[in-house]
Amino acid sequence: MKKLISVVLTGVTVLAAVVVIQGCGVLGGPPSGVAVSAGPDESDSTVLVSWTVPSEGAADKYVVYFRPASDSGYTVVGETTAISFAHNPHGMTGQYKVSAVFGGDSYDGADRPTTVPVQSEAVLFEINADSSRCGFGWRRDSGVGGVFAMTESAGCASVDFYVSDLLAGTGGPLSIVSPNKADSIDSGAVGIVPRAAWRTNGFSNQVLAETVPSYKAPPSATYFIYTTLATQPCRVGCYTAGDTVKHYALIQVDSFNLSSGKVWMKSWYQLVPGLRLVHH
């Protein structure tokens, strides 16, 4: 009889241990590799959030959260049993996180990818005023922008646009120009810009200031090889058309001086390839 009681108690102990293990959430875990990419339809601005199944196995469901750039907290934007979720942020950029739900327990993924564009500031000059500081370009790995010369062919892979009045000398209306067109449309660049594999980019017409909060870069068909800076301030969309994977950016010229050819500008570069959102 004593031996039988011992066996029963042992069985109860094992059962209790199993219950404790389940209650502590050992059977669940967070998703990994949470990432964002441009949605499948280029005509809109959806964000595709994707992740990898937890090492513990597929969750009962996944909860996707979004924190807009202007907010301090996350809100739930969707739930799914799949390993990806398409979110329409309605023109907003922000940060995402994904949680895996196992029973009553939730596990947040460590990765928090963002669609917030990278801001840079610079002072540029018209090409005839200072050709060593007339070009500007964004690093594709970090989104950070910098000033470059248009006199050095070695820099051709770094320049996304330069400033010119498209005339010999200075004093005319200033324009943002695609580097690859320097030798064909810009008489002021003759003898300054060497022949090289300069980047091919496109620029939108001026974007009105009041539309910037919901600005979405227009399709490539509405881009041009140069855009004139008509007002101060002036905002222009950029499309890196020559890249294998295209990127979008917003250029804001705060002010310029026609006499000196000096331009004060900011930019916001979207690091997520193909994503049109630049609201910040």
Protein backbone atom coordinates (compact mmCIF):
# COMPACT_ATOMS: atom_id res chain seq x y z
CA MET A 1 0.00 0.00 0.00
CA LYS A 2 2.78 2.44 0.84
CA LYS A 3 4.40 1.78 -2.55
CA LEU A 4 1.16 2.51 -4.42
CA ILE A 5 0.69 5.83 -2.63
CA SER A 6 4.24 6.83 -3.57
CA VAL A 7 3.58 6.19 -7.25
CA VAL A 8 0.38 8.22 -7.24
CA LEU A 9 2.06 11.14 -5.53
CA THR A 10 4.87 11.07 -8.07
CA GLY A 11 2.34 11.26 -10.90
CA VAL A 12 0.66 14.25 -9.29
CA THR A 13 4.05 15.95 -8.93
CA VAL A 14 4.83 15.48 -12.63
CA LEU A 15 1.41 16.82 -13.62
CA ALA A 16 1.92 19.87 -11.44
CA ALA A 17 5.31 20.48 -13.02
CA VAL A 18 3.78 20.40 -16.50
CA VAL A 19 1.14 22.91 -15.45
CA VAL A 20 3.85 25.22 -14.04
CA ILE A 21 5.90 25.00 -17.25
CA GLN A 22 2.90 25.94 -19.37
CA GLY A 23 1.92 28.77 -17.04
CA CYS A 24 5.43 30.26 -17.22
CA GLY A 25 5.19 30.50 -20.99
CA VAL A 26 8.13 28.21 -21.80
CA LEU A 27 6.14 26.81 -24.72
CA GLY A 28 5.97 30.22 -26.41
CA GLY A 29 8.41 32.87 -27.63
CA PRO A 30 8.79 36.07 -29.66
CA PRO A 31 8.89 36.35 -33.45
CA SER A 32 12.29 37.19 -34.93
CA GLY A 33 13.51 39.12 -37.95
CA VAL A 34 10.66 41.65 -37.94
CA ALA A 35 11.15 43.81 -41.06
CA VAL A 36 9.28 46.30 -43.23
CA SER A 37 9.17 46.69 -47.00
CA ALA A 38 7.11 48.56 -49.57
CA GLY A 39 3.71 47.03 -50.19
CA PRO A 40 3.12 45.03 -53.37
CA ASP A 41 1.10 47.77 -55.08
CA GLU A 42 3.37 50.68 -56.06
CA SER A 43 0.38 52.90 -56.77
CA ASP A 44 -0.25 53.35 -53.04
CA SER A 45 1.84 53.58 -49.88
CA THR A 46 1.18 50.40 -47.95
CA VAL A 47 3.83 48.87 -45.70
CA LEU A 48 4.40 45.12 -45.63
CA VAL A 49 5.46 43.96 -42.15
CA SER A 50 6.98 40.46 -42.08
CA TRP A 51 8.66 38.21 -39.52
CA THR A 52 9.90 34.70 -38.78
CA VAL A 53 8.00 32.13 -36.71
CA PRO A 54 9.28 31.84 -33.11
CA SER A 55 11.74 29.03 -32.48
CA GLU A 56 9.16 27.52 -30.13
CA GLY A 57 6.73 27.06 -33.04
CA ALA A 58 3.86 28.88 -34.74
CA ALA A 59 1.89 31.18 -32.46
CA ASP A 60 -1.88 31.12 -32.04
CA LYS A 61 -1.83 34.59 -33.63
CA TYR A 62 0.40 37.61 -34.18
CA VAL A 63 -0.46 41.18 -33.23
CA VAL A 64 1.01 44.06 -35.26
CA TYR A 65 1.53 47.47 -33.63
CA PHE A 66 2.35 50.86 -35.15
CA ARG A 67 3.69 54.03 -33.52
CA PRO A 68 3.42 57.12 -35.77
CA ALA A 69 6.45 59.42 -35.84
CA SER A 70 4.46 62.12 -34.07
CA ASP A 71 3.19 59.83 -31.25
CA SER A 72 4.79 58.29 -28.18
CA GLY A 73 2.79 55.06 -27.94
CA TYR A 74 1.96 52.02 -30.05
CA THR A 75 -1.53 51.10 -31.23
CA VAL A 76 -2.75 47.77 -32.61
CA VAL A 77 -3.22 47.90 -36.37
CA GLY A 78 -3.99 44.25 -37.04
CA GLU A 79 -3.93 40.59 -36.05
CA THR A 80 -3.09 37.58 -38.21
CA THR A 81 -2.07 33.93 -38.14
CA ALA A 82 0.22 34.50 -41.13
CA ILE A 83 3.83 35.73 -40.97
CA SER A 84 3.21 39.04 -42.74
CA PHE A 85 0.71 41.87 -42.59
CA ALA A 86 0.00 44.74 -45.02
CA HIS A 87 -0.63 48.03 -43.25
CA ASN A 88 -1.97 51.23 -44.79
CA PRO A 89 -0.59 54.04 -42.60
CA HIS A 90 -2.54 56.70 -44.55
CA GLY A 91 0.53 58.74 -45.38
CA MET A 92 2.18 58.43 -41.97
CA THR A 93 5.60 57.01 -41.16
CA GLY A 94 6.56 55.39 -37.87
CA GLN A 95 7.83 52.33 -36.04
CA TYR A 96 6.43 48.80 -35.99
CA LYS A 97 6.56 45.90 -33.56
CA VAL A 98 5.04 42.41 -33.64
CA SER A 99 3.96 40.19 -30.75
CA ALA A 100 3.40 36.43 -30.82
CA VAL A 101 0.46 35.19 -28.76
CA PHE A 102 0.50 31.71 -27.25
CA GLY A 103 -2.62 31.06 -25.22
CA GLY A 104 -2.85 33.90 -22.73
CA ASP A 105 0.79 34.94 -23.07
CA SER A 106 2.23 37.53 -25.45
CA TYR A 107 5.88 37.84 -26.53
CA ASP A 108 7.18 41.02 -28.21
CA GLY A 109 9.71 40.69 -31.01
CA ALA A 110 13.00 42.48 -30.35
CA ASP A 111 13.18 44.11 -33.80
CA ARG A 112 11.37 47.45 -34.17
CA PRO A 113 11.76 48.49 -37.83
CA THR A 114 10.92 52.04 -38.85
CA THR A 115 9.71 53.89 -41.93
CA VAL A 116 10.60 57.34 -40.59
CA PRO A 117 12.79 59.09 -43.20
CA VAL A 118 16.34 60.21 -42.43
CA GLN A 119 16.78 63.99 -42.20
CA SER A 120 19.86 65.85 -43.42
CA GLU A 121 20.77 69.53 -43.80
CA ALA A 122 23.24 71.23 -46.11
CA VAL A 123 24.32 74.49 -47.72
CA LEU A 124 24.82 74.22 -51.50
CA PHE A 125 25.95 76.59 -54.24
CA GLU A 126 25.05 77.12 -57.87
CA ILE A 127 27.54 75.17 -60.01
CA ASN A 128 29.27 78.29 -61.37
CA ALA A 129 29.41 79.90 -57.92
CA ASP A 130 31.19 76.93 -56.30
CA SER A 131 31.32 73.66 -58.23
CA SER A 132 32.98 71.91 -55.27
CA ARG A 133 29.84 72.39 -53.17
CA CYS A 134 27.00 72.25 -55.67
CA GLY A 135 26.18 68.53 -55.52
CA PHE A 136 24.19 66.61 -52.93
CA GLY A 137 23.61 62.90 -52.41
CA TRP A 138 22.30 60.32 -49.94
CA ARG A 139 24.13 57.25 -48.68
CA ARG A 140 22.02 54.23 -49.57
CA ASP A 141 23.02 52.36 -46.41
CA SER A 142 22.23 55.08 -43.87
CA GLY A 143 20.10 57.65 -45.72
CA VAL A 144 22.39 60.45 -44.53
CA GLY A 145 22.98 63.19 -47.11
CA GLY A 146 26.15 65.10 -47.88
CA VAL A 147 27.71 67.73 -50.15
CA PHE A 148 29.84 66.68 -53.14
CA ALA A 149 31.75 68.26 -56.02
CA MET A 150 30.61 67.99 -59.63
CA THR A 151 34.20 68.37 -60.87
CA GLU A 152 35.33 64.87 -59.88
CA SER A 153 34.22 61.79 -61.78
CA ALA A 154 35.13 59.69 -58.73
CA GLY A 155 32.10 61.17 -56.98
CA CYS A 156 29.60 60.27 -59.68
CA ALA A 157 28.18 57.39 -57.62
CA SER A 158 27.44 59.73 -54.70
CA VAL A 159 25.60 62.72 -56.21
CA ASP A 160 21.80 62.67 -56.54
CA PHE A 161 21.30 66.25 -57.72
CA TYR A 162 23.12 69.55 -58.10
CA VAL A 163 22.07 73.21 -58.18
CA SER A 164 22.30 75.27 -61.36
CA ASP A 165 20.65 78.14 -63.20
CA LEU A 166 21.27 76.17 -66.44
CA LEU A 167 23.24 79.13 -67.80
CA ALA A 168 26.88 80.13 -68.03
CA GLY A 169 27.54 82.32 -65.02
CA THR A 170 25.12 82.99 -62.17
CA GLY A 171 22.05 85.07 -61.53
CA GLY A 172 19.20 83.19 -63.19
CA PRO A 173 16.44 81.12 -61.55
CA LEU A 174 17.94 78.16 -59.72
CA SER A 175 17.01 74.56 -60.44
CA ILE A 176 17.61 71.14 -58.92
CA VAL A 177 19.10 69.03 -61.72
CA SER A 178 19.71 65.32 -62.27
CA PRO A 179 23.52 64.78 -62.44
CA ASN A 180 23.40 62.65 -65.60
CA LYS A 181 21.95 65.60 -67.56
CA ALA A 182 24.73 68.06 -66.79
CA ASP A 183 26.36 67.73 -70.21
CA SER A 184 23.14 67.83 -72.26
CA ILE A 185 20.88 70.52 -70.80
CA ASP A 186 23.14 72.73 -68.69
CA SER A 187 25.32 75.17 -70.60
CA GLY A 188 26.68 76.39 -67.27
CA ALA A 189 28.11 72.93 -66.55
CA VAL A 190 30.17 72.74 -69.75
CA GLY A 191 33.85 72.43 -68.89
CA ILE A 192 33.04 71.77 -65.23
CA VAL A 193 31.37 68.35 -65.10
CA PRO A 194 33.46 65.47 -66.50
CA ARG A 195 31.84 62.63 -68.41
CA ALA A 196 31.07 59.78 -66.02
CA ALA A 197 28.30 57.41 -64.93
CA TRP A 198 26.40 60.08 -63.01
CA ARG A 199 23.21 59.02 -61.27
CA THR A 200 19.88 59.32 -63.07
CA ASN A 201 17.15 60.83 -60.90
CA GLY A 202 13.81 62.56 -61.32
CA PHE A 203 12.14 65.46 -59.52
CA SER A 204 8.52 66.43 -59.03
CA ASN A 205 7.01 69.84 -59.48
CA GLN A 206 6.89 71.98 -56.35
CA VAL A 207 4.95 70.41 -53.48
CA LEU A 208 2.71 72.88 -51.66
CA ALA A 209 3.62 73.41 -48.01
CA GLU A 210 0.14 72.63 -46.72
CA THR A 211 0.19 69.20 -48.39
CA VAL A 212 3.47 68.05 -46.83
CA PRO A 213 1.97 66.30 -43.75
CA SER A 214 0.25 63.80 -46.07
CA TYR A 215 2.74 64.05 -48.95
CA LYS A 216 3.16 60.90 -51.00
CA ALA A 217 5.70 60.86 -53.83
CA PRO A 218 3.90 60.78 -57.19
CA PRO A 219 4.44 58.07 -59.84
CA SER A 220 7.65 58.18 -61.86
CA ALA A 221 5.77 59.43 -64.93
CA THR A 222 5.34 62.82 -63.21
CA TYR A 223 9.05 63.29 -62.54
CA PHE A 224 11.38 65.54 -64.53
CA ILE A 225 15.14 65.81 -65.11
CA TYR A 226 15.15 69.20 -63.38
CA THR A 227 12.79 71.38 -61.35
CA THR A 228 13.03 75.15 -60.93
CA LEU A 229 12.98 76.59 -57.42
CA ALA A 230 10.09 79.00 -57.84
CA THR A 231 9.51 80.14 -54.27
CA GLN A 232 11.14 80.32 -50.85
CA PRO A 233 10.66 77.91 -49.17
CA CYS A 234 10.22 75.29 -51.85
CA ARG A 235 9.60 71.53 -51.55
CA VAL A 236 10.35 68.99 -54.27
CA GLY A 237 9.95 65.22 -54.38
CA CYS A 238 12.89 63.09 -55.60
CA TYR A 239 12.81 59.69 -57.27
CA THR A 240 16.11 57.82 -57.63
CA ALA A 241 15.15 56.39 -60.99
CA GLY A 242 18.61 55.12 -61.89
CA ASP A 243 18.94 52.76 -58.92
CA THR A 244 18.38 49.04 -59.24
CA VAL A 245 16.04 49.50 -56.28
CA LYS A 246 14.47 52.96 -56.28
CA HIS A 247 14.14 55.25 -53.29
CA TYR A 248 12.11 58.37 -52.60
CA ALA A 249 12.99 61.59 -50.80
CA LEU A 250 11.61 65.04 -50.06
CA ILE A 251 13.87 68.07 -50.63
CA GLN A 252 13.07 71.33 -48.87
CA VAL A 253 14.88 74.48 -49.95
CA ASP A 254 14.42 76.87 -47.05
CA SER A 255 15.93 79.85 -48.87
CA PHE A 256 18.34 80.82 -51.64
CA ASN A 257 20.29 83.85 -52.81
CA LEU A 258 20.39 84.44 -56.55
CA SER A 259 23.36 86.81 -56.36
CA SER A 260 25.64 84.43 -54.49
CA GLY A 261 24.01 81.22 -55.72
CA LYS A 262 23.81 79.98 -52.13
CA VAL A 263 21.07 77.52 -51.15
CA TRP A 264 20.00 76.39 -47.66
CA MET A 265 18.20 73.06 -47.73
CA LYS A 266 16.93 70.04 -45.78
CA SER A 267 15.98 66.61 -47.02
CA TRP A 268 14.15 63.53 -45.83
CA TYR A 269 15.26 60.24 -47.40
CA GLN A 270 13.18 57.07 -47.18
CA LEU A 271 15.50 54.14 -46.44
CA VAL A 272 12.86 51.51 -47.23
CA PRO A 273 13.30 50.78 -50.97
CA GLY A 274 10.28 51.63 -53.10
CA LEU A 275 8.27 53.13 -50.22
CA ARG A 276 6.77 56.49 -51.14
CA LEU A 277 6.19 57.79 -47.62
CA VAL A 278 8.23 60.73 -46.33
CA HIS A 279 5.91 62.26 -43.73
CA HIS A 280 7.85 62.95 -40.55
